[in-house]
Amino acid sequence: QALQHRMVEQYVAIDQLRSLIMRLTLLNNDATEELGKMIAGVRAFAAEAGTALGHEAIQLHGGMGVSEEVIVATGHKRLMMLARYPYSSERAMDIYAGAHA
């Protein structure tokens, strides 16, 4: 049951991200500055959620996720790289916060 709770938390994070992306698609294309800031906010959430998802996947695989033979390791490396490209999630959150200050 403990595993179910951990997996449900990750499913909720994925569903939240999906909702944020849908909200982005509904924004007016004329509001380019606001759109850029909303994209930064979604990117910050995606980076944090993706990193947490990767860590949980490794834990659910009993720590074998760090082994090169397991596909979880490759996915986790990609998530870690994408979470920092082109800038950190903290920077993305700062951009987003500037939109709502």
N, C-alpha and C. Protein backbone atom coordinates (compact mmCIF):
# COMPACT_ATOMS: atom_id res chain seq x y z
N GLN A 1 0.83 -1.19 0.00
CA GLN A 1 0.00 0.00 0.00
C GLN A 1 0.87 1.26 0.00
N ALA A 2 2.02 1.19 0.64
CA ALA A 2 2.92 2.34 0.66
C ALA A 2 3.39 2.67 -0.75
N LEU A 3 3.62 1.65 -1.55
CA LEU A 3 4.03 1.88 -2.94
C LEU A 3 2.91 2.55 -3.73
N GLN A 4 1.68 2.14 -3.47
CA GLN A 4 0.55 2.75 -4.16
C GLN A 4 0.47 4.24 -3.88
N HIS A 5 0.67 4.62 -2.64
CA HIS A 5 0.59 6.03 -2.28
C HIS A 5 1.68 6.84 -2.99
N ARG A 6 2.88 6.28 -3.06
CA ARG A 6 3.97 6.97 -3.74
C ARG A 6 3.68 7.12 -5.22
N MET A 7 3.12 6.08 -5.82
CA MET A 7 2.81 6.14 -7.25
C MET A 7 1.65 7.10 -7.52
N VAL A 8 0.68 7.15 -6.64
CA VAL A 8 -0.44 8.07 -6.81
C VAL A 8 0.04 9.51 -6.72
N GLU A 9 0.96 9.80 -5.82
CA GLU A 9 1.51 11.16 -5.72
C GLU A 9 2.16 11.57 -7.03
N GLN A 10 2.88 10.65 -7.65
CA GLN A 10 3.52 10.96 -8.93
C GLN A 10 2.49 11.13 -10.04
N TYR A 11 1.45 10.32 -10.00
CA TYR A 11 0.39 10.45 -11.00
C TYR A 11 -0.30 11.81 -10.88
N VAL A 12 -0.51 12.26 -9.66
CA VAL A 12 -1.14 13.56 -9.43
C VAL A 12 -0.24 14.67 -9.98
N ALA A 13 1.07 14.57 -9.76
CA ALA A 13 1.99 15.58 -10.28
C ALA A 13 1.95 15.62 -11.81
N ILE A 14 1.88 14.46 -12.44
CA ILE A 14 1.79 14.41 -13.90
C ILE A 14 0.48 15.02 -14.36
N ASP A 15 -0.60 14.74 -13.65
CA ASP A 15 -1.90 15.30 -14.02
C ASP A 15 -1.93 16.81 -13.83
N GLN A 16 -1.28 17.30 -12.78
CA GLN A 16 -1.19 18.75 -12.57
C GLN A 16 -0.43 19.40 -13.72
N LEU A 17 0.65 18.78 -14.14
CA LEU A 17 1.43 19.31 -15.25
C LEU A 17 0.61 19.33 -16.53
N ARG A 18 -0.14 18.27 -16.76
CA ARG A 18 -1.01 18.21 -17.94
C ARG A 18 -2.03 19.35 -17.91
N SER A 19 -2.58 19.63 -16.74
CA SER A 19 -3.55 20.73 -16.61
C SER A 19 -2.90 22.08 -16.87
N LEU A 20 -1.68 22.27 -16.37
CA LEU A 20 -0.98 23.53 -16.61
C LEU A 20 -0.69 23.73 -18.09
N ILE A 21 -0.33 22.66 -18.77
CA ILE A 21 -0.06 22.75 -20.21
C ILE A 21 -1.34 23.08 -20.96
N MET A 22 -2.46 22.48 -20.56
CA MET A 22 -3.73 22.81 -21.21
C MET A 22 -4.09 24.27 -20.99
N ARG A 23 -3.80 24.78 -19.79
CA ARG A 23 -4.08 26.19 -19.51
C ARG A 23 -3.23 27.08 -20.41
N LEU A 24 -1.99 26.69 -20.65
CA LEU A 24 -1.12 27.45 -21.55
C LEU A 24 -1.71 27.53 -22.95
N THR A 25 -2.26 26.44 -23.41
CA THR A 25 -2.81 26.42 -24.77
C THR A 25 -4.02 27.33 -24.92
N LEU A 26 -4.67 27.64 -23.81
CA LEU A 26 -5.86 28.48 -23.86
C LEU A 26 -5.54 29.97 -23.77
N LEU A 27 -4.27 30.30 -23.49
CA LEU A 27 -3.90 31.71 -23.40
C LEU A 27 -4.01 32.39 -24.77
N ASN A 28 -4.32 33.65 -24.73
CA ASN A 28 -4.41 34.45 -25.95
C ASN A 28 -3.01 34.61 -26.54
N ASN A 29 -2.86 34.39 -27.83
CA ASN A 29 -1.56 34.50 -28.48
C ASN A 29 -1.04 35.93 -28.52
N ASP A 30 -1.91 36.92 -28.28
CA ASP A 30 -1.47 38.31 -28.31
C ASP A 30 -0.70 38.69 -27.05
N ALA A 31 -0.88 37.97 -25.99
CA ALA A 31 -0.22 38.28 -24.72
C ALA A 31 1.12 37.55 -24.65
N THR A 32 2.07 37.95 -25.50
CA THR A 32 3.33 37.21 -25.59
C THR A 32 4.17 37.30 -24.32
N GLU A 33 4.16 38.45 -23.65
CA GLU A 33 4.95 38.58 -22.42
C GLU A 33 4.38 37.68 -21.32
N GLU A 34 3.07 37.70 -21.17
CA GLU A 34 2.44 36.84 -20.17
C GLU A 34 2.63 35.38 -20.53
N LEU A 35 2.56 35.07 -21.81
CA LEU A 35 2.75 33.69 -22.26
C LEU A 35 4.15 33.20 -21.89
N GLY A 36 5.15 34.04 -22.11
CA GLY A 36 6.52 33.67 -21.76
C GLY A 36 6.68 33.40 -20.28
N LYS A 37 6.03 34.21 -19.47
CA LYS A 37 6.13 34.02 -18.02
C LYS A 37 5.37 32.78 -17.58
N MET A 38 4.23 32.51 -18.22
CA MET A 38 3.48 31.29 -17.89
C MET A 38 4.28 30.05 -18.29
N ILE A 39 4.95 30.13 -19.44
CA ILE A 39 5.79 29.01 -19.88
C ILE A 39 6.89 28.76 -18.85
N ALA A 40 7.48 29.84 -18.33
CA ALA A 40 8.52 29.69 -17.31
C ALA A 40 7.95 29.02 -16.06
N GLY A 41 6.73 29.37 -15.67
CA GLY A 41 6.12 28.74 -14.51
C GLY A 41 5.86 27.26 -14.72
N VAL A 42 5.36 26.92 -15.89
CA VAL A 42 5.11 25.51 -16.21
C VAL A 42 6.42 24.75 -16.27
N ARG A 43 7.44 25.39 -16.83
CA ARG A 43 8.75 24.77 -16.93
C ARG A 43 9.32 24.50 -15.53
N ALA A 44 9.16 25.45 -14.62
CA ALA A 44 9.64 25.27 -13.25
C ALA A 44 8.94 24.09 -12.58
N PHE A 45 7.62 24.02 -12.74
CA PHE A 45 6.86 22.91 -12.16
C PHE A 45 7.29 21.59 -12.79
N ALA A 46 7.45 21.58 -14.12
CA ALA A 46 7.84 20.35 -14.82
C ALA A 46 9.22 19.88 -14.37
N ALA A 47 10.14 20.81 -14.18
CA ALA A 47 11.49 20.43 -13.74
C ALA A 47 11.45 19.81 -12.35
N GLU A 48 10.72 20.44 -11.45
CA GLU A 48 10.63 19.91 -10.08
C GLU A 48 9.91 18.56 -10.06
N ALA A 49 8.79 18.48 -10.77
CA ALA A 49 8.02 17.23 -10.79
C ALA A 49 8.80 16.12 -11.48
N GLY A 50 9.49 16.46 -12.57
CA GLY A 50 10.28 15.46 -13.30
C GLY A 50 11.42 14.91 -12.47
N THR A 51 12.10 15.80 -11.76
CA THR A 51 13.19 15.36 -10.90
C THR A 51 12.66 14.45 -9.78
N ALA A 52 11.57 14.85 -9.17
CA ALA A 52 10.97 14.02 -8.11
C ALA A 52 10.52 12.67 -8.67
N LEU A 53 9.94 12.68 -9.86
CA LEU A 53 9.50 11.44 -10.49
C LEU A 53 10.68 10.52 -10.76
N GLY A 54 11.78 11.09 -11.24
CA GLY A 54 12.98 10.29 -11.49
C GLY A 54 13.53 9.67 -10.22
N HIS A 55 13.59 10.45 -9.15
CA HIS A 55 14.08 9.92 -7.88
C HIS A 55 13.17 8.81 -7.36
N GLU A 56 11.87 9.01 -7.48
CA GLU A 56 10.92 7.99 -7.03
C GLU A 56 11.05 6.71 -7.87
N ALA A 57 11.26 6.87 -9.17
CA ALA A 57 11.42 5.70 -10.03
C ALA A 57 12.63 4.88 -9.61
N ILE A 58 13.71 5.56 -9.28
CA ILE A 58 14.90 4.85 -8.80
C ILE A 58 14.59 4.11 -7.50
N GLN A 59 13.90 4.77 -6.58
CA GLN A 59 13.56 4.14 -5.31
C GLN A 59 12.63 2.95 -5.51
N LEU A 60 11.67 3.10 -6.41
CA LEU A 60 10.73 2.00 -6.65
C LEU A 60 11.41 0.79 -7.29
N HIS A 61 12.53 1.04 -7.95
CA HIS A 61 13.29 -0.06 -8.53
C HIS A 61 14.37 -0.57 -7.57
N GLY A 62 14.24 -0.21 -6.32
CA GLY A 62 15.15 -0.71 -5.30
C GLY A 62 16.56 -0.16 -5.42
N GLY A 63 16.70 1.03 -5.95
CA GLY A 63 18.02 1.63 -6.11
C GLY A 63 18.74 1.16 -7.36
N MET A 64 18.17 0.20 -8.08
CA MET A 64 18.79 -0.29 -9.31
C MET A 64 18.68 0.73 -10.43
N GLY A 65 17.93 1.79 -10.21
CA GLY A 65 17.76 2.80 -11.23
C GLY A 65 19.03 3.56 -11.54
N VAL A 66 20.05 3.41 -10.71
CA VAL A 66 21.32 4.07 -10.99
C VAL A 66 22.23 3.19 -11.83
N SER A 67 21.83 1.96 -12.05
CA SER A 67 22.60 1.03 -12.87
C SER A 67 22.37 1.32 -14.34
N GLU A 68 23.42 1.25 -15.13
CA GLU A 68 23.31 1.56 -16.56
C GLU A 68 22.44 0.55 -17.31
N GLU A 69 22.26 -0.63 -16.77
CA GLU A 69 21.48 -1.65 -17.45
C GLU A 69 19.98 -1.40 -17.37
N VAL A 70 19.56 -0.56 -16.45
CA VAL A 70 18.13 -0.32 -16.24
C VAL A 70 17.74 0.97 -16.96
N ILE A 71 16.64 0.92 -17.72
CA ILE A 71 16.21 2.08 -18.50
C ILE A 71 15.86 3.28 -17.63
N VAL A 72 15.55 3.04 -16.37
CA VAL A 72 15.24 4.14 -15.45
C VAL A 72 16.45 5.07 -15.33
N ALA A 73 17.65 4.53 -15.37
CA ALA A 73 18.86 5.35 -15.25
C ALA A 73 18.96 6.34 -16.40
N THR A 74 18.69 5.89 -17.62
CA THR A 74 18.75 6.78 -18.78
C THR A 74 17.69 7.86 -18.68
N GLY A 75 16.48 7.47 -18.31
CA GLY A 75 15.40 8.44 -18.16
C GLY A 75 15.72 9.46 -17.08
N HIS A 76 16.30 9.01 -15.99
CA HIS A 76 16.64 9.91 -14.89
C HIS A 76 17.72 10.90 -15.32
N LYS A 77 18.71 10.44 -16.05
CA LYS A 77 19.76 11.34 -16.54
C LYS A 77 19.16 12.42 -17.44
N ARG A 78 18.25 12.02 -18.31
CA ARG A 78 17.61 12.99 -19.20
C ARG A 78 16.79 14.00 -18.41
N LEU A 79 16.05 13.53 -17.43
CA LEU A 79 15.25 14.43 -16.60
C LEU A 79 16.14 15.43 -15.86
N MET A 80 17.26 14.96 -15.34
CA MET A 80 18.17 15.85 -14.62
C MET A 80 18.76 16.90 -15.56
N MET A 81 19.09 16.49 -16.78
CA MET A 81 19.65 17.44 -17.75
C MET A 81 18.59 18.45 -18.17
N LEU A 82 17.39 17.99 -18.47
CA LEU A 82 16.32 18.89 -18.90
C LEU A 82 15.87 19.84 -17.79
N ALA A 83 16.00 19.42 -16.55
CA ALA A 83 15.62 20.27 -15.43
C ALA A 83 16.55 21.48 -15.30
N ARG A 84 17.73 21.38 -15.90
CA ARG A 84 18.70 22.47 -15.79
C ARG A 84 18.93 23.21 -17.11
N TYR A 85 18.25 22.81 -18.16
CA TYR A 85 18.45 23.41 -19.48
C TYR A 85 17.24 24.21 -19.89
N PRO A 86 17.32 25.38 -20.39
CA PRO A 86 18.51 26.23 -20.57
C PRO A 86 18.89 26.97 -19.30
N TYR A 87 18.05 26.91 -18.27
CA TYR A 87 18.36 27.50 -16.98
C TYR A 87 17.64 26.71 -15.91
N SER A 88 18.00 26.96 -14.67
CA SER A 88 17.47 26.17 -13.56
C SER A 88 15.99 26.44 -13.32
N SER A 89 15.38 25.53 -12.59
CA SER A 89 13.97 25.71 -12.25
C SER A 89 13.78 26.90 -11.32
N GLU A 90 14.81 27.20 -10.52
CA GLU A 90 14.73 28.38 -9.65
C GLU A 90 14.64 29.66 -10.48
N ARG A 91 15.44 29.73 -11.54
CA ARG A 91 15.40 30.89 -12.43
C ARG A 91 14.04 30.97 -13.12
N ALA A 92 13.51 29.84 -13.55
CA ALA A 92 12.19 29.83 -14.18
C ALA A 92 11.13 30.31 -13.21
N MET A 93 11.23 29.92 -11.95
CA MET A 93 10.26 30.35 -10.95
C MET A 93 10.39 31.85 -10.69
N ASP A 94 11.62 32.37 -10.73
CA ASP A 94 11.81 33.82 -10.58
C ASP A 94 11.14 34.58 -11.72
N ILE A 95 11.25 34.06 -12.94
CA ILE A 95 10.60 34.69 -14.09
C ILE A 95 9.09 34.66 -13.90
N TYR A 96 8.58 33.51 -13.49
CA TYR A 96 7.14 33.38 -13.27
C TYR A 96 6.66 34.29 -12.15
N ALA A 97 7.42 34.37 -11.07
CA ALA A 97 7.05 35.22 -9.94
C ALA A 97 7.03 36.68 -10.35
N GLY A 98 7.89 37.07 -11.26
CA GLY A 98 7.90 38.44 -11.75
C GLY A 98 6.62 38.80 -12.46
N ALA A 99 5.95 37.80 -13.01
CA ALA A 99 4.68 38.04 -13.71
C ALA A 99 3.56 38.33 -12.73
N HIS A 100 3.70 37.88 -11.50
CA HIS A 100 2.62 38.00 -10.53
C HIS A 100 3.01 38.85 -9.32
N ALA A 101 4.06 39.64 -9.49
CA ALA A 101 4.50 40.50 -8.38
C ALA A 101 3.71 41.79 -8.33
